[in-house]
C-alpha atoms as a PDB file:
ATOM      1  CA  UNK A   1      14.420  86.837  69.407  1.00  0.00           C
ATOM      2  CA  UNK A   2      15.810  83.341  69.836  1.00  0.00           C
ATOM      3  CA  UNK A   3      17.454  81.987  66.682  1.00  0.00           C
ATOM      4  CA  UNK A   4      18.674  78.438  65.980  1.00  0.00           C
ATOM      5  CA  UNK A   5      22.389  77.905  66.578  1.00  0.00           C
ATOM      6  CA  UNK A   6      24.039  78.203  63.128  1.00  0.00           C
ATOM      7  CA  UNK A   7      25.510  74.957  61.835  1.00  0.00           C
ATOM      8  CA  UNK A   8      28.975  74.735  60.291  1.00  0.00           C
ATOM      9  CA  UNK A   9      28.654  76.014  56.724  1.00  0.00           C
ATOM     10  CA  UNK A  10      28.485  73.330  54.066  1.00  0.00           C
ATOM     11  CA  UNK A  11      31.279  73.713  51.487  1.00  0.00           C
ATOM     12  CA  UNK A  12      30.147  74.450  47.910  1.00  0.00           C
ATOM     13  CA  UNK A  13      28.808  71.334  46.251  1.00  0.00           C
ATOM     14  CA  UNK A  14      28.591  69.382  49.504  1.00  0.00           C
ATOM     15  CA  UNK A  15      25.137  68.145  50.514  1.00  0.00           C
ATOM     16  CA  UNK A  16      25.312  65.010  52.673  1.00  0.00           C
ATOM     17  CA  UNK A  17      22.271  62.797  52.129  1.00  0.00           C
ATOM     18  CA  UNK A  18      19.576  62.555  54.742  1.00  0.00           C
ATOM     19  CA  UNK A  19      17.355  59.654  55.758  1.00  0.00           C
ATOM     20  CA  UNK A  20      14.963  57.845  53.452  1.00  0.00           C
ATOM     21  CA  UNK A  21      11.490  59.454  53.446  1.00  0.00           C
ATOM     22  CA  UNK A  22       9.183  57.952  56.055  1.00  0.00           C
ATOM     23  CA  UNK A  23       6.242  55.857  54.912  1.00  0.00           C
ATOM     24  CA  UNK A  24       3.018  57.837  54.677  1.00  0.00           C
ATOM     25  CA  UNK A  25      -0.270  55.976  55.258  1.00  0.00           C
ATOM     26  CA  UNK A  26      -2.009  58.464  52.962  1.00  0.00           C
ATOM     27  CA  UNK A  27      -4.852  59.246  55.365  1.00  0.00           C
ATOM     28  CA  UNK A  28      -5.066  62.905  54.376  1.00  0.00           C
ATOM     29  CA  UNK A  29      -4.563  63.974  57.994  1.00  0.00           C
ATOM     30  CA  UNK A  30      -3.016  67.372  58.665  1.00  0.00           C
ATOM     31  CA  UNK A  31      -0.358  67.681  61.372  1.00  0.00           C
ATOM     32  CA  UNK A  32       0.555  71.109  62.686  1.00  0.00           C
ATOM     33  CA  UNK A  33       4.049  71.165  64.216  1.00  0.00           C
ATOM     34  CA  UNK A  34       4.019  74.174  66.530  1.00  0.00           C
ATOM     35  CA  UNK A  35       7.107  75.630  68.154  1.00  0.00           C
ATOM     36  CA  UNK A  36       6.893  77.133  71.643  1.00  0.00           C
ATOM     37  CA  UNK A  37       7.062  80.893  72.100  1.00  0.00           C
ATOM     38  CA  UNK A  38       9.950  83.160  73.113  1.00  0.00           C
ATOM     39  CA  UNK A  39      11.860  82.128  76.240  1.00  0.00           C
ATOM     40  CA  UNK A  40      12.978  84.353  79.099  1.00  0.00           C
ATOM     41  CA  UNK A  41      15.852  86.725  78.316  1.00  0.00           C
ATOM     42  CA  UNK A  42      18.063  85.053  80.933  1.00  0.00           C
ATOM     43  CA  UNK A  43      18.370  82.060  78.592  1.00  0.00           C
ATOM     44  CA  UNK A  44      18.870  83.877  75.300  1.00  0.00           C
ATOM     45  CA  UNK A  45      22.352  83.276  73.963  1.00  0.00           C
ATOM     46  CA  UNK A  46      22.693  79.860  75.592  1.00  0.00           C
ATOM     47  CA  UNK A  47      22.366  76.333  74.210  1.00  0.00           C
ATOM     48  CA  UNK A  48      19.677  75.359  76.720  1.00  0.00           C
ATOM     49  CA  UNK A  49      18.542  72.267  74.800  1.00  0.00           C
ATOM     50  CA  UNK A  50      16.112  70.161  76.834  1.00  0.00           C
ATOM     51  CA  UNK A  51      16.458  72.229  80.010  1.00  0.00           C
ATOM     52  CA  UNK A  52      13.063  73.387  81.315  1.00  0.00           C
ATOM     53  CA  UNK A  53      13.353  77.148  80.821  1.00  0.00           C
ATOM     54  CA  UNK A  54      10.474  79.633  81.295  1.00  0.00           C
ATOM     55  CA  UNK A  55       8.777  81.861  78.769  1.00  0.00           C
ATOM     56  CA  UNK A  56       9.296  85.611  78.641  1.00  0.00           C
ATOM     57  CA  UNK A  57       6.360  87.981  79.056  1.00  0.00           C
ATOM     58  CA  UNK A  58       6.364  88.346  75.280  1.00  0.00           C
ATOM     59  CA  UNK A  59       6.383  84.557  74.977  1.00  0.00           C
ATOM     60  CA  UNK A  60       3.354  84.294  77.242  1.00  0.00           C
ATOM     61  CA  UNK A  61       1.477  86.735  75.016  1.00  0.00           C
ATOM     62  CA  UNK A  62       2.613  84.937  71.832  1.00  0.00           C
ATOM     63  CA  UNK A  63       1.295  81.694  73.339  1.00  0.00           C
ATOM     64  CA  UNK A  64      -2.083  83.255  74.077  1.00  0.00           C
ATOM     65  CA  UNK A  65      -2.383  84.771  70.592  1.00  0.00           C
ATOM     66  CA  UNK A  66      -1.458  81.619  68.700  1.00  0.00           C
ATOM     67  CA  UNK A  67      -3.745  79.530  70.888  1.00  0.00           C
ATOM     68  CA  UNK A  68      -6.632  81.840  70.012  1.00  0.00           C
ATOM     69  CA  UNK A  69      -5.853  81.565  66.301  1.00  0.00           C
ATOM     70  CA  UNK A  70      -5.995  77.770  66.438  1.00  0.00           C
ATOM     71  CA  UNK A  71      -9.469  78.041  67.983  1.00  0.00           C
ATOM     72  CA  UNK A  72     -10.817  78.473  64.445  1.00  0.00           C
ATOM     73  CA  UNK A  73      -9.619  74.983  63.446  1.00  0.00           C
ATOM     74  CA  UNK A  74     -11.431  71.731  64.243  1.00  0.00           C
ATOM     75  CA  UNK A  75      -8.754  69.698  66.046  1.00  0.00           C
ATOM     76  CA  UNK A  76      -8.953  66.038  66.982  1.00  0.00           C
ATOM     77  CA  UNK A  77      -6.073  66.081  69.457  1.00  0.00           C
ATOM     78  CA  UNK A  78      -3.160  68.146  70.771  1.00  0.00           C
ATOM     79  CA  UNK A  79       0.014  66.497  72.036  1.00  0.00           C
ATOM     80  CA  UNK A  80       2.794  68.523  73.647  1.00  0.00           C
ATOM     81  CA  UNK A  81       6.301  68.219  74.982  1.00  0.00           C
ATOM     82  CA  UNK A  82       6.334  68.065  78.801  1.00  0.00           C
ATOM     83  CA  UNK A  83       8.802  70.981  78.926  1.00  0.00           C
ATOM     84  CA  UNK A  84       6.873  73.960  80.313  1.00  0.00           C
ATOM     85  CA  UNK A  85       7.384  76.297  77.356  1.00  0.00           C
ATOM     86  CA  UNK A  86       5.845  73.778  74.918  1.00  0.00           C
ATOM     87  CA  UNK A  87       3.215  72.510  77.370  1.00  0.00           C
ATOM     88  CA  UNK A  88       1.962  76.098  77.678  1.00  0.00           C
ATOM     89  CA  UNK A  89       1.566  76.309  73.897  1.00  0.00           C
ATOM     90  CA  UNK A  90      -0.169  72.941  73.720  1.00  0.00           C
ATOM     91  CA  UNK A  91      -2.566  73.898  76.503  1.00  0.00           C
ATOM     92  CA  UNK A  92      -3.426  77.251  74.901  1.00  0.00           C
ATOM     93  CA  UNK A  93      -4.195  75.560  71.587  1.00  0.00           C
ATOM     94  CA  UNK A  94      -6.180  72.735  73.192  1.00  0.00           C
ATOM     95  CA  UNK A  95      -8.266  75.129  75.289  1.00  0.00           C
ATOM     96  CA  UNK A  96      -8.953  77.405  72.333  1.00  0.00           C
ATOM     97  CA  UNK A  97      -9.967  74.536  70.053  1.00  0.00           C
ATOM     98  CA  UNK A  98     -11.703  72.541  72.810  1.00  0.00           C
ATOM     99  CA  UNK A  99      -9.525  69.555  71.983  1.00  0.00           C
ATOM    100  CA  UNK A 100      -7.967  66.992  74.328  1.00  0.00           C
ATOM    101  CA  UNK A 101      -4.370  67.608  75.428  1.00  0.00           C
ATOM    102  CA  UNK A 102      -1.823  64.882  76.116  1.00  0.00           C
ATOM    103  CA  UNK A 103       1.838  65.247  77.101  1.00  0.00           C
ATOM    104  CA  UNK A 104       4.380  63.161  75.200  1.00  0.00           C
ATOM    105  CA  UNK A 105       8.013  62.915  76.456  1.00  0.00           C
ATOM    106  CA  UNK A 106       9.086  61.976  72.925  1.00  0.00           C
ATOM    107  CA  UNK A 107       8.431  65.562  71.832  1.00  0.00           C
ATOM    108  CA  UNK A 108      11.019  67.143  74.165  1.00  0.00           C
ATOM    109  CA  UNK A 109      13.878  69.219  72.750  1.00  0.00           C
ATOM    110  CA  UNK A 110      17.318  67.816  71.909  1.00  0.00           C
ATOM    111  CA  UNK A 111      19.682  66.724  74.664  1.00  0.00           C
ATOM    112  CA  UNK A 112      22.898  68.617  73.916  1.00  0.00           C
ATOM    113  CA  UNK A 113      24.986  66.413  76.163  1.00  0.00           C
ATOM    114  CA  UNK A 114      28.183  67.914  77.574  1.00  0.00           C
ATOM    115  CA  UNK A 115      27.633  71.137  75.621  1.00  0.00           C
ATOM    116  CA  UNK A 116      24.235  71.931  77.121  1.00  0.00           C
ATOM    117  CA  UNK A 117      24.040  75.331  78.748  1.00  0.00           C
ATOM    118  CA  UNK A 118      27.078  76.734  76.934  1.00  0.00           C
ATOM    119  CA  UNK A 119      26.949  80.232  75.454  1.00  0.00           C
ATOM    120  CA  UNK A 120      25.911  79.855  71.829  1.00  0.00           C
ATOM    121  CA  UNK A 121      29.214  81.312  70.602  1.00  0.00           C
ATOM    122  CA  UNK A 122      31.177  78.638  72.468  1.00  0.00           C
ATOM    123  CA  UNK A 123      28.738  75.941  71.311  1.00  0.00           C
ATOM    124  CA  UNK A 124      29.287  76.980  67.701  1.00  0.00           C
ATOM    125  CA  UNK A 125      33.067  77.099  68.184  1.00  0.00           C
ATOM    126  CA  UNK A 126      33.043  73.521  69.430  1.00  0.00           C
ATOM    127  CA  UNK A 127      30.796  72.518  66.545  1.00  0.00           C
ATOM    128  CA  UNK A 128      33.228  74.094  64.083  1.00  0.00           C
ATOM    129  CA  UNK A 129      36.110  72.227  65.709  1.00  0.00           C
ATOM    130  CA  UNK A 130      34.233  68.993  64.989  1.00  0.00           C
ATOM    131  CA  UNK A 131      33.314  70.119  61.484  1.00  0.00           C
ATOM    132  CA  UNK A 132      34.738  67.148  59.586  1.00  0.00           C
ATOM    133  CA  UNK A 133      32.880  64.607  61.703  1.00  0.00           C
ATOM    134  CA  UNK A 134      29.673  66.628  61.363  1.00  0.00           C
ATOM    135  CA  UNK A 135      29.956  66.938  57.581  1.00  0.00           C
ATOM    136  CA  UNK A 136      30.616  63.208  57.242  1.00  0.00           C
ATOM    137  CA  UNK A 137      27.154  62.345  58.624  1.00  0.00           C
ATOM    138  CA  UNK A 138      25.030  65.282  59.889  1.00  0.00           C
ATOM    139  CA  UNK A 139      21.988  63.071  60.484  1.00  0.00           C
ATOM    140  CA  UNK A 140      23.811  60.900  63.030  1.00  0.00           C
ATOM    141  CA  UNK A 141      26.406  63.373  64.359  1.00  0.00           C
ATOM    142  CA  UNK A 142      26.413  63.909  68.126  1.00  0.00           C
ATOM    143  CA  UNK A 143      29.884  65.087  69.004  1.00  0.00           C
ATOM    144  CA  UNK A 144      28.586  66.619  72.229  1.00  0.00           C
ATOM    145  CA  UNK A 145      27.573  63.196  73.538  1.00  0.00           C
ATOM    146  CA  UNK A 146      23.871  64.000  73.556  1.00  0.00           C
ATOM    147  CA  UNK A 147      21.320  63.259  70.839  1.00  0.00           C
ATOM    148  CA  UNK A 148      21.678  63.262  67.068  1.00  0.00           C
ATOM    149  CA  UNK A 149      18.950  64.228  64.596  1.00  0.00           C
ATOM    150  CA  UNK A 150      18.460  60.501  64.016  1.00  0.00           C
ATOM    151  CA  UNK A 151      17.906  60.040  67.759  1.00  0.00           C
ATOM    152  CA  UNK A 152      15.365  62.867  67.806  1.00  0.00           C
ATOM    153  CA  UNK A 153      13.482  61.345  64.906  1.00  0.00           C
ATOM    154  CA  UNK A 154      13.551  57.878  66.481  1.00  0.00           C
ATOM    155  CA  UNK A 155      11.791  59.097  69.641  1.00  0.00           C
ATOM    156  CA  UNK A 156       9.576  61.744  68.048  1.00  0.00           C
ATOM    157  CA  UNK A 157       8.271  59.793  65.058  1.00  0.00           C
ATOM    158  CA  UNK A 158       6.284  57.213  67.079  1.00  0.00           C
ATOM    159  CA  UNK A 159       4.465  60.123  68.745  1.00  0.00           C
ATOM    160  CA  UNK A 160       3.699  61.715  65.378  1.00  0.00           C
ATOM    161  CA  UNK A 161       2.575  58.394  63.895  1.00  0.00           C
ATOM    162  CA  UNK A 162       0.299  57.585  66.845  1.00  0.00           C
ATOM    163  CA  UNK A 163      -1.169  61.096  66.644  1.00  0.00           C
ATOM    164  CA  UNK A 164      -1.679  60.617  62.915  1.00  0.00           C
ATOM    165  CA  UNK A 165      -3.714  57.475  63.603  1.00  0.00           C
ATOM    166  CA  UNK A 166      -5.760  59.311  66.236  1.00  0.00           C
ATOM    167  CA  UNK A 167      -6.463  62.094  63.722  1.00  0.00           C
ATOM    168  CA  UNK A 168      -8.822  59.857  61.697  1.00  0.00           C
ATOM    169  CA  UNK A 169      -8.098  61.949  58.643  1.00  0.00           C
ATOM    170  CA  UNK A 170      -8.614  65.229  60.486  1.00  0.00           C
ATOM    171  CA  UNK A 171      -6.265  67.824  61.959  1.00  0.00           C
ATOM    172  CA  UNK A 172      -3.964  67.447  64.962  1.00  0.00           C
ATOM    173  CA  UNK A 173      -1.253  69.513  66.668  1.00  0.00           C
ATOM    174  CA  UNK A 174       2.144  68.622  68.094  1.00  0.00           C
ATOM    175  CA  UNK A 175       3.492  71.442  70.300  1.00  0.00           C
ATOM    176  CA  UNK A 176       7.229  71.034  70.513  1.00  0.00           C
ATOM    177  CA  UNK A 177      10.658  72.566  69.842  1.00  0.00           C
ATOM    178  CA  UNK A 178      12.760  73.730  66.916  1.00  0.00           C
ATOM    179  CA  UNK A 179      15.174  70.811  66.602  1.00  0.00           C
ATOM    180  CA  UNK A 180      12.559  68.125  67.240  1.00  0.00           C
ATOM    181  CA  UNK A 181      10.290  69.677  64.598  1.00  0.00           C
ATOM    182  CA  UNK A 182      13.202  69.968  62.143  1.00  0.00           C
ATOM    183  CA  UNK A 183      14.097  66.299  62.663  1.00  0.00           C
ATOM    184  CA  UNK A 184      10.493  65.212  62.075  1.00  0.00           C
ATOM    185  CA  UNK A 185      10.233  67.239  58.858  1.00  0.00           C
ATOM    186  CA  UNK A 186      13.628  65.988  57.694  1.00  0.00           C
ATOM    187  CA  UNK A 187      12.699  62.357  58.299  1.00  0.00           C
ATOM    188  CA  UNK A 188       9.202  62.660  56.850  1.00  0.00           C
ATOM    189  CA  UNK A 189      10.464  64.172  53.595  1.00  0.00           C
ATOM    190  CA  UNK A 190      13.921  62.583  53.426  1.00  0.00           C
ATOM    191  CA  UNK A 191      15.658  65.966  53.247  1.00  0.00           C
ATOM    192  CA  UNK A 192      19.364  66.272  52.568  1.00  0.00           C
ATOM    193  CA  UNK A 193      21.529  68.070  55.107  1.00  0.00           C
ATOM    194  CA  UNK A 194      21.426  71.483  53.414  1.00  0.00           C
ATOM    195  CA  UNK A 195      17.633  71.545  53.260  1.00  0.00           C
ATOM    196  CA  UNK A 196      17.336  70.201  56.799  1.00  0.00           C
ATOM    197  CA  UNK A 197      19.504  72.912  58.330  1.00  0.00           C
ATOM    198  CA  UNK A 198      17.930  75.587  56.135  1.00  0.00           C
ATOM    199  CA  UNK A 199      14.505  74.792  57.632  1.00  0.00           C
ATOM    200  CA  UNK A 200      13.198  77.636  59.761  1.00  0.00           C
ATOM    201  CA  UNK A 201      10.336  77.750  62.249  1.00  0.00           C
ATOM    202  CA  UNK A 202      10.537  80.749  64.561  1.00  0.00           C
ATOM    203  CA  UNK A 203       9.158  80.827  68.124  1.00  0.00           C
ATOM    204  CA  UNK A 204       5.340  80.738  68.166  1.00  0.00           C
ATOM    205  CA  UNK A 205       5.295  79.683  64.503  1.00  0.00           C
ATOM    206  CA  UNK A 206       4.162  76.450  62.927  1.00  0.00           C
ATOM    207  CA  UNK A 207       4.717  74.053  60.047  1.00  0.00           C
ATOM    208  CA  UNK A 208       1.979  72.007  58.380  1.00  0.00           C
ATOM    209  CA  UNK A 209       2.768  68.423  57.407  1.00  0.00           C
ATOM    210  CA  UNK A 210       0.129  66.527  55.410  1.00  0.00           C
ATOM    211  CA  UNK A 211      -0.179  62.746  55.189  1.00  0.00           C
ATOM    212  CA  UNK A 212      -0.872  62.772  51.457  1.00  0.00           C
ATOM    213  CA  UNK A 213      -1.486  59.655  49.301  1.00  0.00           C
ATOM    214  CA  UNK A 214       1.820  60.108  47.479  1.00  0.00           C
ATOM    215  CA  UNK A 215       3.891  60.722  50.605  1.00  0.00           C
ATOM    216  CA  UNK A 216       4.247  63.366  53.286  1.00  0.00           C
ATOM    217  CA  UNK A 217       4.033  66.962  52.061  1.00  0.00           C
ATOM    218  CA  UNK A 218       5.186  70.137  53.797  1.00  0.00           C
ATOM    219  CA  UNK A 219       2.335  72.501  52.951  1.00  0.00           C
ATOM    220  CA  UNK A 220       3.518  75.445  55.058  1.00  0.00           C
ATOM    221  CA  UNK A 221       6.306  76.429  57.428  1.00  0.00           C
ATOM    222  CA  UNK A 222       7.169  79.328  59.708  1.00  0.00           C
ATOM    223  CA  UNK A 223       3.604  80.658  59.798  1.00  0.00           C
ATOM    224  CA  UNK A 224       2.088  82.491  62.758  1.00  0.00           C
ATOM    225  CA  UNK A 225      -1.552  82.078  61.754  1.00  0.00           C
ATOM    226  CA  UNK A 226      -2.959  78.691  60.697  1.00  0.00           C
ATOM    227  CA  UNK A 227      -6.282  80.088  59.557  1.00  0.00           C
ATOM    228  CA  UNK A 228      -6.783  79.702  55.825  1.00  0.00           C
ATOM    229  CA  UNK A 229      -3.552  77.758  55.297  1.00  0.00           C
ATOM    230  CA  UNK A 230      -4.079  74.920  52.813  1.00  0.00           C
END
């Protein structure tokens, strides 16, 4: 199963600050952040980033199953990354819930710049070589020349906010990718670096962000069945 590329370990006592928490309108809307399913084995072990890679047979089944589980929820809208693996998840959820589906380029996965497509071991080795720069400012670090977490948040947050407004206090879905989802959660809650990189959301799993009156709340993460989740 695909796992996030491990970040350089934070030294004891080191927790670089993250962004300030994003403003929450307090509408009560519920936003499911759904990660695409398992990708084809040919791409396991590579830092494929925002390349458009296909699902595995298992991933296709995971997509079908999770889409069927979302059918039990009344959804106002589903927005999805245009990358095929996330579009498939968005479509399955939208069809199951009989909700409109829109594609949003802002939900695509991280651009890993010059390191994209490297074996994950080599990617991590390069990351470790740039450890000091990363630890100085993880939120804005982009030593590979691609996108930082701050960049991901800057392009993904307008999509989330517009979807929040369209929710009218109801429930919506964003079908996307691990790093984009992590950046949205980090920015919504103002997480420090340790908490941000500790966040987990496996393929075909989801996190629930709520636009609560006192600020955004992460009600659930890494769940494979949204039914009955408060």
